[in-house]
């Protein structure tokens, strides 16, 4: 990391001059003035700006969605109960002689079933363990009977044989979706820093423009008064006096426009940072910049390895492969095995319903064999294959564009050191030229008022140009961080833990 000595020394002096020129009343004793550095503005923006809150809540949603997905693969314990299911109706009842009669029936059912199930992601099956108890109350005209049915334990499994295994693909894709969301949050933070830099320098340059307008107005007012005296003595022509008067009028208008622009930039600045203070604000230009060499191949590698874009390439390809697997397996030859083994018993007495339970087995094998589908399955497979090829082609082109974007951003950032040096030197030269021209005009050695005006315009443009170059440097700095999610000043990857965002 190299600090440009010339630029730093020049800017330290400029900062003091800017503050004195902009806020003379503040510096005379206002205690409620708030000073903001660039780092402080970025910190506030990343903590409380609307973009920061949206990014935080978006990540929290992704986090809990991923937690829910992981919980779906843990054992699931569930209680189902009906207390009671009462039914009073008239039904056709079969008599002992085989005839049927319509009779009133009243019955109540009570059921309770406790089940423990576990998904098997590798095979797409499920194992389960159940225990249940049922009771039936039959209400007749002269009597009421009740009966209990118990299932102390029942264990079983359900296993598709040739079906599409969504569990297997979800276990690959969902962690990538969560990691992509985490990286998107990191990128959002750097994008917020980028936006904060823009708001900071927009307001700072508006402040500088106000100071320039105030200074120019004072200078032209002084020059106009001097010129009036010279015109009275016949030392200058009326045309030159009128030109200075016109410059003064323009300076007055420029001061009003600069103040209006400053108020607009101040409102935008406070709105983005959600600042509710009405105290005067003073922005402190950054005192140093960081310049370092960035190896382009390494920057590209970090971008592919760290960013959500690199992760999205892999996720999209995996999703397309999942769709192809689904097209090949669904609607083809399907089979499912379902098997249970358990114990069961019934009794009219509750204390005997668990005595000497009988074993119970169930086994079923279901088959689905398409015989004639008129090419529907084949069409789905071809569509999925085409979709996979399309995704591969799109990712290949997007990867090239992504790498090119990183290359251009690194190149732009590497230019900023020289650009800042040129802008700082240009401002120094323009300021010196204006000071010399103004002094020579005031003592009468320069009679061309246009030369003075040109020197003033060049000086103003050079000062604004320096802050514009400084703004470009910092936006490039944070854009490079966003594109790579790598801090080249500390030589480490950017990171965040979920605990920091769930507080």
Foldseek 3Di string as FASTA:
>chain_A
DDWDPVLLVLVVVVLVVLCCLQCVPCVVDDPLEAEDELVRLLVLLCPDFPLNVVLLVLLVVLVVVLVVVVVLQDKDKDKDKDPKAWDWDWDWDQDPVGHTDTDIWIKIKIKMKIKIKGADQVQLKMKMKMWMKMKMWIDDPVDIFMKIKTFGMKIKMKGKDQAQRPSNLCVVQSVLVSLLSQQVSLLSSLVSSLVSLVLLLQLVLLSVQLSLLVVQLVLLVVVLVLVVVCVVVVNADPVLSVVSVVSNVVSVVSNVVSVVSNVVSVVVSCNRSVPPDPHHYHYRYDSTDDADADDLVVLLVLLLVRHSLVSVLVSVLSVLVSQLSNLQRPPAKIKMKIKMKTWMAMDSDPVCRPPPTDIDIDIDMDIDHDDDDPCPSVVSNVVSVVVSVVSVVVSVVVSVVLSVVLVVLSVQLNCLVVQLVVLSVQLVVLVVVLVVVSVCVSVPNDRDVVVNVVSSVSNSCSVSSNSVSVSSNSSSQSVSCSSRQADPVVGGHNRDDVVVSPD
